[in-house]
Protein backbone atom coordinates (compact mmCIF):
# COMPACT_ATOMS: atom_id res chain seq x y z
CA MET A 1 20.24 11.88 11.68
CA LYS A 2 16.69 12.97 10.95
CA LEU A 3 14.37 11.70 8.27
CA ASN A 4 12.65 13.98 5.76
CA SER A 5 9.04 13.14 6.72
CA LYS A 6 7.48 14.19 3.44
CA ALA A 7 9.98 12.24 1.31
CA PHE A 8 9.76 9.17 3.53
CA ALA A 9 5.95 9.24 3.43
CA ILE A 10 5.84 9.53 -0.36
CA THR A 11 8.37 6.72 -0.81
CA THR A 12 6.50 4.47 1.60
CA GLY A 13 3.20 5.21 -0.13
CA LEU A 14 4.62 4.41 -3.56
CA CYS A 15 6.23 1.18 -2.42
CA LEU A 16 3.09 -0.07 -0.69
CA GLY A 17 0.75 1.04 -3.45
CA PHE A 18 2.74 -0.35 -6.35
CA GLY A 19 3.67 -3.46 -4.35
CA LEU A 20 0.01 -4.27 -3.88
CA PHE A 21 -0.70 -3.42 -7.54
CA LEU A 22 2.04 -5.73 -8.80
CA PHE A 23 1.11 -8.48 -6.32
CA THR A 24 -2.46 -8.46 -7.60
CA TRP A 25 -1.31 -8.79 -11.20
CA TRP A 26 1.11 -11.55 -10.17
CA VAL A 27 -1.83 -13.52 -8.73
CA ILE A 28 -3.98 -12.76 -11.78
CA VAL A 29 -1.31 -14.13 -14.14
CA PHE A 30 -0.82 -17.39 -12.24
CA ASP A 31 -4.29 -18.05 -10.73
CA GLY A 32 -6.69 -15.97 -12.78
CA ILE A 33 -9.28 -13.40 -11.82
CA THR A 34 -11.39 -14.20 -8.78
CA ASN A 35 -13.94 -12.23 -6.81
CA ASN A 36 -13.59 -14.40 -3.72
CA PRO A 37 -13.04 -12.54 -0.47
CA THR A 38 -9.43 -12.04 0.53
CA LEU A 39 -7.71 -11.01 3.71
CA ILE A 40 -6.55 -7.77 2.07
CA GLY A 41 -10.13 -7.19 0.84
CA ALA A 42 -11.33 -7.28 4.45
CA ALA A 43 -9.17 -4.26 5.21
CA TYR A 44 -9.53 -2.51 1.84
CA ARG A 45 -13.19 -2.25 0.88
CA GLY A 46 -13.70 -3.06 -2.80
CA TYR A 47 -10.36 -4.87 -3.29
CA THR A 48 -10.52 -8.10 -5.19
CA ILE A 49 -8.10 -10.10 -7.34
CA SER A 50 -9.13 -8.38 -10.56
CA PRO A 51 -7.86 -5.55 -12.78
CA LEU A 52 -10.22 -3.07 -11.12
CA GLY A 53 -9.19 -4.42 -7.71
CA SER A 54 -5.56 -3.82 -8.52
CA PHE A 55 -6.25 -0.11 -9.02
CA ILE A 56 -8.35 0.03 -5.87
CA GLY A 57 -5.45 -1.59 -3.97
CA LEU A 58 -3.03 0.91 -5.54
CA GLY A 59 -5.11 3.81 -4.20
CA TYR A 60 -5.46 2.36 -0.75
CA GLY A 61 -1.78 1.43 -0.65
CA LEU A 62 -0.74 4.97 -1.66
CA ILE A 63 -2.83 6.53 1.07
CA ASP A 64 -2.06 4.01 3.81
CA GLY A 65 1.65 3.97 3.01
CA PHE A 66 1.80 7.76 2.99
CA VAL A 67 0.06 8.03 6.35
CA PHE A 68 2.09 5.20 7.96
CA GLY A 69 5.40 6.57 6.53
CA TYR A 70 4.68 10.05 7.80
CA ILE A 71 3.75 8.88 11.30
CA PHE A 72 6.75 6.56 11.43
CA SER A 73 9.19 9.25 10.38
CA TRP A 74 7.64 11.79 12.77
CA VAL A 75 8.00 9.36 15.71
CA TYR A 76 11.55 8.51 14.58
CA ASN A 77 12.54 12.17 14.43
CA ARG A 78 11.07 12.78 17.89
CA LEU A 79 12.98 9.86 19.38
CA ALA A 80 16.23 10.71 17.54
CA ASN A 81 16.57 14.04 19.44
């Protein structure tokens, strides 16, 4: 069985992007806004635990998830032959 690379990439991007967005708002609700450096912020420039940071994380997550999902499905399809 082969994966549809485009659909898998879009799905992975949406899951990672909105997952990071919702995680950021989860932390904001329980711990408040902070501009302290985070581990995710080390990888995603400009990301902080803030409303603006949640949208920055959403953008990075969409892009990274799409690229990772496409590469993963491409490798999977090559090995599935």
